[in-house]
Amino acid sequence: MFSNLTAPKQDPILSLSQAYRLDQRDNKVDLGIGVYKNSDGVTPVMQSVLTAQARVLEQQTTKAYVGMAGDEEFNAAALSLVLPDAAVASRASSIQTPGASGGLRMLAELIAFSNPGATVWLSNPSYVNHQPVMEAAGLKVKHYRYFDVATKQVDTSALLEDLAKVKAKDVVLLHGCCHNPTGADLTPEAWKSVTELAQRNGFLPFIDIAYQGFGDGLAQDAFGVQHMASNLPELLVTSSCSKNFGLYRERTGSAIIVADQATHATNARGKLLQMARTTYTMPPAHGASIVKTVLLDNELKAAWQQELEQMRLRLVNLRANLCSELVERTGSHDFDFIQQHKGMFSVLGFAPSQMLRLREEFGVYGVDDGRINIAGLREKDLAYVASSIAAVR
C-alpha cells in the first residue's frame, strides 16, 4: 500500500529546529521557529496563565467532552477580544479550533463547500502554511504583491492594484497584524482602501490574526479586523492564543464567521461543526479553559494584558538594539527597516545562500526566505547575531 509513496518534502521551518538541536556549537542561535523566548532563551508560561491553570485544575471535576464547538464561554470571550463591537458580534459566530491552523483549515473547507472552485489570494510572501492548507481544502491559490524587497515595507500601491482585479466571490487572505514572515504591516489607511475594494468588487476578506498584542497593542492590532467587520457584510477570521497567551502546545484557536445577518452566521457555524465531526470532532479543552478564566476575570485579565505589553515592549527594544548593533558593525543604516517592522518576524532580504552561510558558518538559524524570529533573540546574543549578519550581507 505504501510502496508508491515518495519521501515527503521537509517543512522549511520545522526542519530547522531539528538541525538546530543537532548543532553542537555553544554559540548557536535559533531564529527559525516562531516562538517567543525570554532573556534566558526559554519560552515562559505567563504568570496569569499559571494562576488561571491552577484555578481550572482545582475546580475541574470531569474530563468529559465539552462539545464540537468547544467551550462556549471561550468562544464568546475570544470573539469579543477580536470583535468587541456588540452590533458586529450580533451577526457573528465562532467555534473553538485546534489552534489557528485548525481554524484556517475549517474555514477553507467552508469556502470550498459554499463556493466550489473559489480562488484564495495570498500575499507574496505569506505564512508558509497558508498555501498548503488552502490547497488541501481544494481551493485555487493566487498571489497579490505585498512586500517591496527594496524598501522592506508594504508595497501598498502594488497591493491595491492587484486586489482591484480580484473577482466577486473570490477570497483575499490578509494578516491581521504582525505579518508573517515580513513584519511589515498595512497602515490603517491601507486597511480602509482594501475594505473599499471589497465593497466595490465583492470579494470576501479572510483575516488571520495570530499575533494580536505583539504589534502596537491589543486594540490597535485588531483595527483591520474591526474596520472590515463594521463595513462589510461578510468576513472570515481565524485567531490564535498560541502567542499572546503563550499556549503553543495547547492548540487553542478560533474560527469566526461574520455574516450579513445572524441566521446566516448560525447556518455557517452549523456547517463548520459538521466538518469538525469528520476531522477532529472535539477541540482540546485545557487551553480554552485557561483563556476564558483569564478573560472573564477582571483582575486576571489586567495582569495578562500587562504581561503581554511587557513582551511587546521587549520586542520593540530588541529590534532597536539589533539595529544599533548592525549600524555599529556595518557603518550603514541598511537594516533600519528591522526597527520599523512589527511583531515577531523580519525578512532580511538575504538569498538562501546567505541564510545557509549564517547557519553553517555562525550557527545562526533563520529560514531560507530570509525570515528571522526577533522573539527568539536573547539580549546577550545581539552583538553576535549582528556581527554574523554583517559578515554575510
Protein backbone atom coordinates (compact mmCIF):
# COMPACT_ATOMS: atom_id res chain seq x y z
CA MET A 1 0.00 0.00 0.00
CA PHE A 2 2.75 2.46 0.88
CA SER A 3 5.42 1.46 -1.63
CA ASN A 4 4.35 4.16 -4.09
CA LEU A 5 4.79 6.99 -1.59
CA THR A 6 7.75 9.27 -2.18
CA ALA A 7 9.84 10.83 0.55
CA PRO A 8 7.98 13.87 1.91
CA LYS A 9 9.38 17.33 1.45
CA GLN A 10 10.69 18.69 4.73
CA ASP A 11 8.88 21.62 6.30
CA PRO A 12 11.20 24.63 5.79
CA ILE A 13 10.69 25.87 9.36
CA LEU A 14 10.19 22.76 11.47
CA SER A 15 13.21 21.07 9.89
CA LEU A 16 15.37 23.93 11.16
CA SER A 17 14.51 23.02 14.74
CA GLN A 18 15.93 19.54 14.26
CA ALA A 19 19.10 20.89 12.65
CA TYR A 20 19.49 23.37 15.50
CA ARG A 21 19.15 20.66 18.13
CA LEU A 22 21.85 18.58 16.44
CA ASP A 23 24.26 21.53 16.24
CA GLN A 24 26.93 21.12 18.92
CA ARG A 25 28.21 24.71 18.92
CA ASP A 26 27.80 26.69 22.14
CA ASN A 27 27.16 29.98 20.34
CA LYS A 28 24.29 28.77 18.15
CA VAL A 29 21.16 30.95 17.98
CA ASP A 30 17.70 29.72 16.96
CA LEU A 31 15.83 32.39 14.99
CA GLY A 32 13.82 29.88 12.98
CA ILE A 33 10.64 28.58 14.60
CA GLY A 34 8.19 31.28 15.63
CA VAL A 35 8.03 31.15 19.41
CA TYR A 36 8.66 33.88 21.96
CA LYS A 37 11.68 33.36 24.23
CA ASN A 38 12.72 35.41 27.22
CA SER A 39 16.20 36.70 28.06
CA ASP A 40 17.20 33.22 29.22
CA GLY A 41 16.15 31.64 25.93
CA VAL A 42 13.09 29.99 27.49
CA THR A 43 9.52 30.18 26.24
CA PRO A 44 7.90 31.10 29.57
CA VAL A 45 4.49 30.29 30.98
CA MET A 46 2.82 33.60 31.75
CA GLN A 47 2.04 34.14 35.44
CA SER A 48 -1.58 34.95 34.64
CA VAL A 49 -1.81 31.66 32.76
CA LEU A 50 -0.29 29.75 35.69
CA THR A 51 -2.80 31.32 38.05
CA ALA A 52 -5.71 30.52 35.73
CA GLN A 53 -4.47 26.99 35.19
CA ALA A 54 -4.28 26.33 38.93
CA ARG A 55 -7.84 27.56 39.26
CA VAL A 56 -9.00 25.36 36.38
CA LEU A 57 -7.39 22.26 37.86
CA GLU A 58 -8.76 22.98 41.32
CA GLN A 59 -12.32 23.39 40.05
CA GLN A 60 -12.29 20.68 37.38
CA THR A 61 -14.46 17.69 38.25
CA THR A 62 -14.58 15.84 34.92
CA LYS A 63 -12.72 15.12 31.72
CA ALA A 64 -15.91 14.54 29.73
CA TYR A 65 -16.31 16.02 26.25
CA VAL A 66 -17.07 19.71 26.07
CA GLY A 67 -18.69 19.58 22.61
CA MET A 68 -17.78 20.00 18.97
CA ALA A 69 -17.95 23.79 19.18
CA GLY A 70 -15.60 23.76 22.14
CA ASP A 71 -16.08 25.86 25.24
CA GLU A 72 -18.86 28.35 24.54
CA GLU A 73 -17.63 30.80 27.18
CA PHE A 74 -14.24 30.71 25.49
CA ASN A 75 -15.89 31.26 22.10
CA ALA A 76 -17.69 34.38 23.34
CA ALA A 77 -14.60 35.75 25.11
CA ALA A 78 -12.28 35.10 22.16
CA LEU A 79 -14.77 36.69 19.76
CA SER A 80 -15.01 39.76 21.98
CA LEU A 81 -11.22 40.10 22.07
CA VAL A 82 -11.10 40.41 18.28
CA LEU A 83 -14.52 41.98 17.63
CA PRO A 84 -15.72 43.86 20.73
CA ASP A 85 -18.47 45.80 18.94
CA ALA A 86 -21.83 44.39 20.03
CA ALA A 87 -23.51 45.18 16.71
CA VAL A 88 -20.89 43.16 14.82
CA ALA A 89 -20.94 40.35 17.37
CA SER A 90 -24.70 40.03 16.94
CA ARG A 91 -24.19 38.82 13.36
CA ALA A 92 -21.06 36.78 14.09
CA SER A 93 -20.49 33.24 15.23
CA SER A 94 -17.42 31.26 16.26
CA ILE A 95 -16.17 27.84 17.17
CA GLN A 96 -13.08 26.73 19.06
CA THR A 97 -10.48 25.07 16.83
CA PRO A 98 -7.20 23.17 17.35
CA GLY A 99 -5.05 26.28 17.01
CA ALA A 100 -5.22 28.89 14.28
CA SER A 101 -4.08 26.32 11.72
CA GLY A 102 -7.16 24.28 12.58
CA GLY A 103 -9.25 27.40 12.12
CA LEU A 104 -7.64 28.08 8.75
CA ARG A 105 -8.43 24.59 7.55
CA MET A 106 -12.02 24.63 8.79
CA LEU A 107 -12.76 27.99 7.18
CA ALA A 108 -11.04 26.87 3.97
CA GLU A 109 -13.33 23.83 3.93
CA LEU A 110 -16.32 26.12 4.46
CA ILE A 111 -15.26 28.26 1.50
CA ALA A 112 -14.84 25.17 -0.67
CA PHE A 113 -18.31 23.91 0.28
CA SER A 114 -20.04 27.29 -0.10
CA ASN A 115 -18.27 28.36 -3.28
CA PRO A 116 -16.69 25.40 -5.12
CA GLY A 117 -13.80 26.44 -7.31
CA ALA A 118 -13.14 29.64 -5.37
CA THR A 119 -9.72 31.24 -5.59
CA VAL A 120 -7.93 32.38 -2.45
CA TRP A 121 -5.47 35.24 -2.89
CA LEU A 122 -2.42 35.19 -0.61
CA SER A 123 0.15 37.91 -0.01
CA ASN A 124 3.53 37.40 -1.62
CA PRO A 125 5.13 36.26 0.62
CA SER A 126 2.79 34.74 3.19
CA TYR A 127 2.87 32.33 6.12
CA VAL A 128 4.41 29.13 4.80
CA ASN A 129 1.37 27.02 5.77
CA HIS A 130 -1.27 29.21 4.14
CA GLN A 131 -0.98 27.81 0.63
CA PRO A 132 -0.80 24.11 1.63
CA VAL A 133 -3.87 24.48 3.86
CA MET A 134 -5.90 26.23 1.19
CA GLU A 135 -4.90 23.74 -1.49
CA ALA A 136 -5.58 20.78 0.80
CA ALA A 137 -9.15 22.06 1.06
CA GLY A 138 -9.41 22.02 -2.74
CA LEU A 139 -9.11 25.77 -3.28
CA LYS A 140 -7.16 27.50 -6.02
CA VAL A 141 -4.41 29.85 -4.87
CA LYS A 142 -3.12 33.06 -6.45
CA HIS A 143 -0.89 35.75 -5.01
CA TYR A 144 -1.06 39.52 -4.75
CA ARG A 145 2.01 41.70 -4.43
CA TYR A 146 2.71 42.78 -0.87
CA PHE A 147 6.36 43.24 0.09
CA ASP A 148 8.74 45.71 -1.54
CA VAL A 149 12.13 43.96 -1.46
CA ALA A 150 13.93 47.29 -1.88
CA THR A 151 12.29 49.22 0.96
CA LYS A 152 11.40 46.15 3.08
CA GLN A 153 7.95 47.69 3.57
CA VAL A 154 4.47 47.02 2.22
CA ASP A 155 4.13 47.97 -1.43
CA THR A 156 0.68 49.44 -0.93
CA SER A 157 0.17 50.70 -4.48
CA ALA A 158 1.05 47.30 -5.98
CA LEU A 159 -1.15 45.53 -3.43
CA LEU A 160 -4.16 47.71 -4.25
CA GLU A 161 -3.53 47.36 -7.97
CA ASP A 162 -3.60 43.56 -7.70
CA LEU A 163 -6.61 43.41 -5.36
CA ALA A 164 -8.56 45.68 -7.71
CA LYS A 165 -8.51 42.73 -10.15
CA VAL A 166 -9.89 40.17 -7.67
CA LYS A 167 -13.28 38.92 -8.79
CA ALA A 168 -16.51 38.76 -6.82
CA LYS A 169 -16.78 35.70 -4.56
CA ASP A 170 -13.02 35.14 -4.58
CA VAL A 171 -11.29 35.29 -1.19
CA VAL A 172 -8.45 37.56 -0.09
CA LEU A 173 -6.43 36.30 2.88
CA LEU A 174 -4.92 39.11 4.95
CA HIS A 175 -2.69 39.11 8.03
CA GLY A 176 -4.47 40.99 10.81
CA CYS A 177 -1.19 42.29 12.25
CA CYS A 178 2.50 41.37 12.58
CA HIS A 179 2.74 39.97 9.05
CA ASN A 180 4.42 36.59 8.83
CA PRO A 181 7.13 36.41 7.51
CA THR A 182 7.94 40.05 6.75
CA GLY A 183 6.90 42.01 9.85
CA ALA A 184 5.64 44.76 7.51
CA ASP A 185 2.03 45.70 8.27
CA LEU A 186 -0.76 47.50 6.49
CA THR A 187 -1.45 51.02 7.73
CA PRO A 188 -4.99 51.96 8.85
CA GLU A 189 -5.35 53.88 5.59
CA ALA A 190 -4.40 50.79 3.58
CA TRP A 191 -6.95 48.71 5.52
CA LYS A 192 -9.60 51.25 4.60
CA SER A 193 -8.59 51.11 0.93
CA VAL A 194 -8.75 47.30 0.86
CA THR A 195 -12.16 47.47 2.53
CA GLU A 196 -13.38 49.84 -0.18
CA LEU A 197 -12.17 47.41 -2.84
CA ALA A 198 -14.03 44.56 -1.14
CA GLN A 199 -17.19 46.69 -1.09
CA ARG A 200 -16.81 47.56 -4.76
CA ASN A 201 -15.69 44.20 -6.17
CA GLY A 202 -17.45 41.80 -3.83
CA PHE A 203 -14.53 39.61 -2.75
CA LEU A 204 -14.53 38.04 0.72
CA PRO A 205 -11.76 39.02 3.15
CA PHE A 206 -10.32 36.23 5.30
CA ILE A 207 -8.18 37.59 8.14
CA ASP A 208 -5.62 35.51 10.00
CA ILE A 209 -4.80 37.29 13.26
CA ALA A 210 -2.29 35.12 15.10
CA TYR A 211 -0.24 37.78 16.92
CA GLN A 212 -2.75 40.20 18.42
CA GLY A 213 -0.96 42.25 21.07
CA PHE A 214 2.55 41.80 19.68
CA GLY A 215 2.44 44.74 17.23
CA ASP A 216 1.09 48.05 18.50
CA GLY A 217 -1.16 46.70 21.27
CA LEU A 218 -4.26 44.55 21.69
CA ALA A 219 -6.77 47.13 20.46
CA GLN A 220 -4.55 48.66 17.79
CA ASP A 221 -3.64 45.30 16.27
CA ALA A 222 -7.30 44.47 15.67
CA PHE A 223 -8.05 47.68 13.75
CA GLY A 224 -8.19 46.00 10.34
CA VAL A 225 -10.46 43.18 11.51
CA GLN A 226 -12.81 45.56 13.27
CA HIS A 227 -12.94 48.06 10.41
CA MET A 228 -13.77 45.37 7.87
CA ALA A 229 -16.35 43.71 10.12
CA SER A 230 -18.10 47.05 10.62
CA ASN A 231 -18.15 47.94 6.94
CA LEU A 232 -18.62 44.66 5.08
CA PRO A 233 -21.49 42.17 5.03
CA GLU A 234 -19.25 39.10 5.35
CA LEU A 235 -15.87 38.33 6.84
CA LEU A 236 -13.91 35.27 7.92
CA VAL A 237 -11.41 35.40 10.79
CA THR A 238 -9.13 32.90 12.46
CA SER A 239 -7.40 33.84 15.70
CA SER A 240 -4.80 32.18 17.88
CA CYS A 241 -3.94 32.06 21.57
CA SER A 242 -0.54 30.48 20.96
CA LYS A 243 1.46 33.70 21.06
CA ASN A 244 -0.46 36.21 23.16
CA PHE A 245 -1.23 33.63 25.87
CA GLY A 246 1.91 31.54 25.31
CA LEU A 247 -0.25 28.43 24.83
CA TYR A 248 1.69 26.98 21.91
CA ARG A 249 1.27 23.31 22.76
CA GLU A 250 -2.36 23.63 23.89
CA ARG A 251 -3.58 24.34 20.31
CA THR A 252 -6.18 26.95 21.18
CA GLY A 253 -7.74 28.95 18.37
CA SER A 254 -10.99 30.23 16.90
CA ALA A 255 -12.79 30.22 13.57
CA ILE A 256 -15.10 33.23 13.26
CA ILE A 257 -17.80 33.96 10.69
CA VAL A 258 -19.26 37.43 10.31
CA ALA A 259 -22.35 37.37 8.08
CA ASP A 260 -24.89 39.88 6.81
CA GLN A 261 -27.41 38.53 9.33
CA ALA A 262 -27.29 36.33 12.42
CA THR A 263 -29.17 33.45 10.79
CA HIS A 264 -26.57 33.09 8.07
CA ALA A 265 -23.74 33.09 10.61
CA THR A 266 -25.53 30.41 12.60
CA ASN A 267 -26.02 28.27 9.50
CA ALA A 268 -22.34 28.63 8.60
CA ARG A 269 -21.40 27.63 12.14
CA GLY A 270 -23.54 24.53 11.81
CA LYS A 271 -21.71 23.55 8.66
CA LEU A 272 -18.36 24.06 10.39
CA LEU A 273 -19.47 21.69 13.14
CA GLN A 274 -20.44 19.05 10.57
CA MET A 275 -16.95 19.37 9.12
CA ALA A 276 -15.38 19.20 12.56
CA ARG A 277 -17.19 15.93 13.20
CA THR A 278 -15.40 14.30 10.27
CA THR A 279 -11.95 15.61 11.19
CA TYR A 280 -11.00 16.16 14.85
CA THR A 281 -14.58 16.06 16.29
CA MET A 282 -13.73 17.75 19.61
CA PRO A 283 -11.15 20.53 20.14
CA PRO A 284 -8.82 20.24 23.16
CA ALA A 285 -10.35 21.80 26.26
CA HIS A 286 -7.43 22.73 28.53
CA GLY A 287 -6.14 25.83 26.75
CA ALA A 288 -9.64 27.21 26.20
CA SER A 289 -10.43 26.77 29.89
CA ILE A 290 -7.34 28.80 30.77
CA VAL A 291 -8.08 31.58 28.29
CA LYS A 292 -11.69 32.01 29.36
CA THR A 293 -10.64 32.02 33.03
CA VAL A 294 -8.25 34.88 32.28
CA LEU A 295 -10.60 36.89 30.08
CA LEU A 296 -13.65 36.55 32.36
CA ASP A 297 -11.81 37.67 35.49
CA ASN A 298 -11.06 41.41 35.52
CA GLU A 299 -8.02 41.10 37.77
CA LEU A 300 -6.51 38.21 35.83
CA LYS A 301 -7.25 39.90 32.52
CA ALA A 302 -5.49 43.09 33.64
CA ALA A 303 -2.47 41.05 34.78
CA TRP A 304 -2.38 39.19 31.44
CA GLN A 305 -2.57 42.44 29.48
CA GLN A 306 0.34 43.84 31.49
CA GLU A 307 2.45 40.73 30.84
CA LEU A 308 1.62 40.83 27.16
CA GLU A 309 2.52 44.51 26.94
CA GLN A 310 5.87 43.80 28.61
CA MET A 311 6.57 41.14 25.99
CA ARG A 312 5.61 43.53 23.20
CA LEU A 313 7.84 46.30 24.53
CA ARG A 314 10.73 43.88 24.89
CA LEU A 315 10.37 43.02 21.19
CA VAL A 316 10.44 46.72 20.35
CA ASN A 317 13.66 47.09 22.35
CA LEU A 318 15.23 44.00 20.76
CA ARG A 319 14.57 45.46 17.31
CA ALA A 320 16.03 48.84 18.26
CA ASN A 321 19.12 47.33 19.86
CA LEU A 322 19.74 44.91 16.99
CA CYS A 323 19.60 47.86 14.59
CA SER A 324 22.10 49.77 16.73
CA GLU A 325 24.46 46.81 16.72
CA LEU A 326 24.12 46.49 12.94
CA VAL A 327 24.85 50.19 12.40
CA GLU A 328 27.98 49.83 14.54
CA ARG A 329 29.20 46.82 12.55
CA THR A 330 28.22 47.86 9.03
CA GLY A 331 28.63 51.62 9.23
CA SER A 332 25.27 51.98 7.49
CA HIS A 333 21.57 52.14 8.21
CA ASP A 334 20.72 49.44 5.68
CA PHE A 335 18.96 47.35 8.32
CA ASP A 336 16.91 50.09 9.98
CA PHE A 337 13.80 48.51 8.50
CA ILE A 338 14.02 45.90 11.28
CA GLN A 339 13.06 48.58 13.78
CA GLN A 340 10.10 49.62 11.64
CA HIS A 341 8.68 46.09 11.41
CA LYS A 342 6.21 44.76 13.96
CA GLY A 343 5.70 41.54 15.85
CA MET A 344 7.97 38.53 15.95
CA PHE A 345 9.48 38.46 12.47
CA SER A 346 11.51 40.39 9.94
CA VAL A 347 12.77 39.44 6.49
CA LEU A 348 16.42 40.39 5.99
CA GLY A 349 16.28 40.34 2.21
CA PHE A 350 19.01 37.69 2.11
CA ALA A 351 19.24 34.97 -0.53
CA PRO A 352 19.06 31.30 0.54
CA SER A 353 22.83 31.08 0.08
CA GLN A 354 23.34 33.86 2.63
CA MET A 355 20.97 32.21 5.10
CA LEU A 356 22.92 28.97 4.61
CA ARG A 357 26.14 30.80 5.48
CA LEU A 358 24.52 32.18 8.62
CA ARG A 359 23.69 28.64 9.70
CA GLU A 360 26.84 26.83 8.62
CA GLU A 361 29.47 29.43 9.49
CA PHE A 362 27.90 31.12 12.50
CA GLY A 363 25.21 28.81 13.86
CA VAL A 364 22.53 31.47 13.40
CA TYR A 365 19.41 29.66 12.25
CA GLY A 366 16.89 31.53 10.09
CA VAL A 367 14.55 30.43 7.31
CA ASP A 368 15.83 30.26 3.72
CA ASP A 369 13.42 33.05 2.66
CA GLY A 370 15.37 35.42 4.92
CA ARG A 371 12.95 35.38 7.85
CA ILE A 372 14.38 35.71 11.34
CA ASN A 373 12.44 35.46 14.58
CA ILE A 374 13.22 38.58 16.60
CA ALA A 375 11.35 36.99 19.51
CA GLY A 376 13.97 34.23 19.59
CA LEU A 377 16.79 36.64 20.41
CA ARG A 378 18.43 36.94 23.79
CA GLU A 379 19.93 40.29 24.71
CA LYS A 380 23.33 38.68 25.13
CA ASP A 381 23.18 37.36 21.54
CA LEU A 382 22.53 40.70 19.85
CA ALA A 383 26.16 41.62 19.17
CA TYR A 384 26.99 38.14 17.85
CA VAL A 385 23.94 37.98 15.60
CA ALA A 386 24.64 41.47 14.26
CA SER A 387 28.27 40.51 13.51
CA SER A 388 27.07 37.37 11.74
CA ILE A 389 24.56 39.26 9.62
CA ALA A 390 27.20 41.88 8.76
CA ALA A 391 29.62 39.15 7.69
CA VAL A 392 27.28 37.62 5.09
CA ARG A 393 25.48 40.73 3.79
